[in-house]
Protein backbone atom coordinates (compact mmCIF):
# COMPACT_ATOMS: atom_id res chain seq x y z
CA GLY A 1 -162.26 -58.28 68.14
CA ILE A 2 -165.51 -59.86 66.94
CA MET A 3 -166.66 -56.52 65.51
CA ASP A 4 -163.33 -56.12 63.70
CA VAL A 5 -163.78 -59.57 62.13
CA PHE A 6 -167.31 -58.79 60.92
CA ILE A 7 -166.26 -55.38 59.56
CA ALA A 8 -163.32 -56.97 57.76
CA ILE A 9 -165.63 -59.59 56.20
CA ILE A 10 -168.12 -56.93 55.05
CA VAL A 11 -165.38 -54.75 53.58
CA SER A 12 -163.80 -57.74 51.80
CA VAL A 13 -167.16 -58.66 50.26
CA TYR A 14 -167.66 -55.15 48.87
CA MET A 15 -164.06 -55.06 47.62
CA SER A 16 -164.58 -58.43 45.91
CA LEU A 17 -167.69 -57.13 44.15
CA ASP A 18 -165.81 -54.06 42.89
CA LYS A 19 -162.42 -55.75 42.37
CA GLU A 20 -162.37 -55.10 38.61
CA ILE A 21 -163.02 -51.39 39.05
CA ILE A 22 -160.47 -51.17 41.88
CA ALA A 23 -157.85 -53.03 39.82
CA LYS A 24 -158.51 -50.81 36.80
CA ASN A 25 -158.10 -47.61 38.85
CA ILE A 26 -154.91 -48.90 40.48
CA LYS A 27 -153.45 -49.66 37.04
CA ARG A 28 -154.33 -46.17 35.83
CA VAL A 29 -152.66 -44.54 38.83
CA ILE A 30 -149.52 -46.67 38.49
CA SER A 31 -149.32 -45.97 34.75
CA ILE A 32 -149.49 -42.24 35.44
CA LEU A 33 -146.97 -42.19 38.30
CA PHE A 34 -144.30 -44.54 36.90
CA PRO A 35 -142.55 -45.15 33.54
CA GLU A 36 -143.76 -47.98 31.34
CA LYS A 37 -141.02 -50.44 32.32
CA ILE A 38 -141.52 -49.90 36.06
CA SER A 39 -145.30 -50.07 35.66
CA LYS A 40 -145.00 -53.39 33.85
CA ASN A 41 -142.85 -54.83 36.66
CA LEU A 42 -145.27 -53.53 39.29
CA PHE A 43 -148.24 -55.12 37.51
CA GLU A 44 -146.35 -58.40 37.36
CA TYR A 45 -145.58 -58.34 41.09
CA ILE A 46 -149.13 -57.33 41.98
CA SER A 47 -150.38 -60.32 40.00
CA LYS A 48 -147.92 -62.66 41.79
CA ILE A 49 -148.86 -61.27 45.21
CA ASN A 50 -152.55 -61.65 44.47
CA ASN A 51 -151.91 -65.24 43.38
CA ILE A 52 -150.05 -66.06 46.62
CA PHE A 53 -152.75 -64.59 48.88
CA SER A 54 -155.59 -66.15 46.89
CA LYS A 55 -154.06 -69.63 46.99
CA TYR A 56 -153.18 -69.33 50.69
CA ILE A 57 -156.66 -68.20 51.74
CA TYR A 58 -158.35 -70.81 49.54
CA CYS A 59 -156.21 -73.61 51.01
CA LYS A 60 -156.79 -72.42 54.58
CA VAL A 61 -160.56 -72.24 54.03
CA ILE A 62 -160.65 -75.82 52.72
CA GLU A 63 -158.47 -77.01 55.62
CA ALA A 64 -160.58 -75.12 58.18
CA VAL A 65 -163.83 -76.63 56.86
CA ILE A 66 -162.37 -80.14 57.07
CA ILE A 67 -161.14 -79.58 60.64
CA MET A 68 -164.47 -78.02 61.60
CA ILE A 69 -166.42 -81.05 60.39
CA LEU A 70 -164.06 -83.61 61.93
CA SER A 71 -163.84 -81.85 65.31
CA THR A 72 -167.62 -81.45 65.50
CA ILE A 73 -168.10 -85.16 64.81
CA ILE A 74 -165.49 -86.12 67.42
CA LEU A 75 -166.97 -83.86 70.11
CA ASN A 76 -170.46 -85.18 69.39
CA LEU A 77 -169.23 -88.76 69.77
CA PHE A 78 -168.00 -87.94 73.29
CA GLY A 79 -171.27 -86.21 74.16
CA VAL A 80 -169.70 -82.77 74.56
CA LYS A 81 -172.18 -79.96 74.99
CA TYR A 82 -171.92 -77.13 72.44
CA ALA A 83 -170.07 -79.51 70.09
CA LEU A 84 -171.15 -77.58 66.99
CA ILE A 85 -170.03 -74.22 68.39
CA LEU A 86 -166.73 -75.65 69.59
CA GLY A 87 -166.22 -77.35 66.22
CA ILE A 88 -166.80 -74.06 64.38
CA MET A 89 -164.40 -72.32 66.77
CA THR A 90 -161.76 -75.01 66.15
CA GLY A 91 -162.10 -74.63 62.39
CA PHE A 92 -161.95 -70.83 62.59
CA LEU A 93 -158.87 -70.78 64.83
CA ASN A 94 -157.22 -73.26 62.46
CA PHE A 95 -156.60 -70.25 60.20
CA ILE A 96 -153.80 -69.33 62.62
CA PRO A 97 -150.85 -71.62 61.82
CA TYR A 98 -149.52 -73.78 64.69
CA PHE A 99 -150.89 -71.69 67.58
CA GLY A 100 -154.54 -71.71 66.51
CA SER A 101 -154.99 -75.42 67.15
CA ILE A 102 -153.38 -75.10 70.60
CA ILE A 103 -155.68 -72.22 71.55
CA SER A 104 -158.80 -74.04 70.32
CA THR A 105 -157.89 -77.24 72.19
CA VAL A 106 -157.31 -75.42 75.48
CA LEU A 107 -160.56 -73.46 75.13
CA THR A 108 -162.49 -76.62 74.26
CA ILE A 109 -161.13 -78.45 77.32
CA VAL A 110 -161.95 -75.56 79.68
CA ILE A 111 -165.47 -75.07 78.28
CA THR A 112 -166.15 -78.83 78.32
CA ILE A 113 -165.06 -79.14 81.96
CA PHE A 114 -167.64 -76.59 83.08
CA SER A 115 -170.41 -77.53 80.65
CA THR A 116 -170.17 -81.33 80.37
CA GLY A 117 -167.63 -82.92 82.69
CA ILE A 118 -163.98 -83.67 83.37
CA ALA A 119 -164.04 -87.11 81.72
CA GLN A 120 -165.50 -85.75 78.48
CA ALA A 121 -163.03 -82.86 78.57
CA PHE A 122 -160.12 -85.28 78.94
CA TRP A 123 -161.12 -87.47 76.00
CA ALA A 124 -162.11 -84.47 73.88
CA GLY A 125 -158.69 -82.92 74.52
CA ILE A 126 -156.86 -86.14 73.62
CA SER A 127 -158.93 -86.53 70.44
CA LEU A 128 -158.30 -82.94 69.35
CA LEU A 129 -154.56 -83.36 69.97
CA VAL A 130 -154.60 -86.44 67.73
CA LEU A 131 -156.59 -84.49 65.12
CA GLU A 132 -153.99 -81.70 65.28
CA GLN A 133 -151.24 -84.22 64.52
CA VAL A 134 -153.21 -85.64 61.61
CA ASP A 135 -153.85 -82.12 60.34
CA GLY A 136 -150.23 -81.04 60.75
CA ASN A 137 -148.74 -84.15 59.14
CA PHE A 138 -151.32 -85.14 56.52
CA ILE A 139 -154.27 -82.78 55.93
CA GLY A 140 -152.39 -79.48 56.00
CA PRO A 141 -149.35 -80.58 53.96
CA LYS A 142 -151.60 -82.29 51.41
CA ILE A 143 -153.71 -79.18 50.86
CA ILE A 144 -151.11 -76.42 51.26
CA GLY A 145 -147.81 -78.21 50.63
CA ASP A 146 -148.46 -78.84 46.95
CA VAL A 147 -149.50 -75.21 46.39
CA LEU A 148 -147.23 -73.11 48.64
CA ASP A 149 -143.61 -74.06 49.39
CA MET A 150 -142.47 -72.69 52.77
CA ARG A 151 -140.30 -74.16 55.53
CA PRO A 152 -141.95 -74.72 58.96
CA ILE A 153 -139.32 -72.58 60.75
CA TRP A 154 -140.30 -69.57 58.62
CA VAL A 155 -143.98 -70.18 59.32
CA ILE A 156 -143.34 -70.20 63.09
CA PHE A 157 -141.17 -67.09 62.82
CA SER A 158 -143.70 -65.19 60.71
CA VAL A 159 -146.67 -66.11 62.93
CA THR A 160 -144.80 -65.14 66.12
CA LEU A 161 -143.61 -61.82 64.70
CA GLY A 162 -146.94 -61.01 63.05
CA GLY A 163 -148.91 -61.80 66.20
CA GLY A 164 -146.59 -59.72 68.37
CA LEU A 165 -146.82 -56.69 66.08
CA PHE A 166 -150.37 -56.80 64.72
CA GLY A 167 -152.37 -59.26 66.85
CA PHE A 168 -154.81 -61.74 65.34
CA PHE A 169 -154.71 -60.43 61.77
CA GLY A 170 -150.92 -60.35 61.96
CA MET A 171 -150.90 -64.06 62.81
CA LEU A 172 -153.43 -64.75 60.07
CA LEU A 173 -151.67 -62.92 57.23
CA SER A 174 -148.04 -63.16 58.31
CA THR A 175 -147.32 -66.36 56.38
CA PRO A 176 -148.32 -65.08 52.89
CA VAL A 177 -146.62 -61.74 53.64
CA VAL A 178 -143.34 -63.52 54.42
CA MET A 179 -143.79 -65.58 51.23
CA VAL A 180 -144.13 -62.36 49.23
CA ILE A 181 -140.94 -60.99 50.86
CA GLN A 182 -139.13 -64.24 50.03
CA MET A 183 -140.31 -63.99 46.42
CA ILE A 184 -139.03 -60.42 46.09
CA LEU A 185 -135.68 -61.24 47.72
CA ARG A 186 -135.29 -64.32 45.52
CA ASP A 187 -135.91 -62.24 42.38
CA ILE A 188 -133.41 -59.61 43.54
CA ILE A 189 -130.76 -62.28 44.17
CA LEU A 190 -131.39 -63.91 40.77
CA MET A 191 -131.19 -60.54 39.03
CA ARG A 192 -127.95 -59.74 40.83
CA GLU A 193 -126.47 -63.14 39.92
CA LYS A 194 -127.34 -62.54 36.26
CA GLN A 195 -125.60 -59.16 36.38
CA ILE A 196 -122.49 -60.69 37.97
CA ASN A 197 -122.40 -63.56 35.45
CA SER A 198 -122.86 -61.08 32.60
CA CYS A 199 -119.96 -58.97 33.85
CA ASN A 200 -117.76 -62.06 34.24
CA GLU A 201 -118.53 -63.16 30.66
CA LYS A 202 -117.59 -59.71 29.36
CA ASP A 203 -114.32 -59.77 31.31
CA GLU A 204 -113.44 -63.20 29.94
CA SER A 205 -114.16 -62.09 26.39
């Protein structure tokens, strides 16, 4: 799993460096394979999808850094050994909506029990649970809520389904994928409503 993460990071860096060339080649292929009208619609959707993923990842990175800093400070205050490592782990797992914070808290408690003590593990666990509530009700909504509009029930559904089908990366990317599906379905419904309204107007005339 760790190797997969590092490989994914390396590949993403190289793809970022060559993103203009990759985008140009994709446009050329689409222009060759599809008519002009379809190609235009595809380019528009690709741009929207890229915008959704970019905003989501950017918001999650900012949120993860904030949680990483706060959790490291809290663990240091309670004298927890490996506070920095556990803080980094908490921030990294925060990329996984809902379940990531639960996993990081449980791991922190278990590691703290064996490395520092039961008392420190108890207070560290309580503090991280409070931090999770602050993150879920204030930090997360403030950072992501203004940018991406998605109901909590759909987030839970997408994370559960994505994790069951594709593991860690499924949990990580399931939320923006579901948002893309919602966007496409919403556009289809709007287009269909316009067609129905247009037909009704013709019938009335």
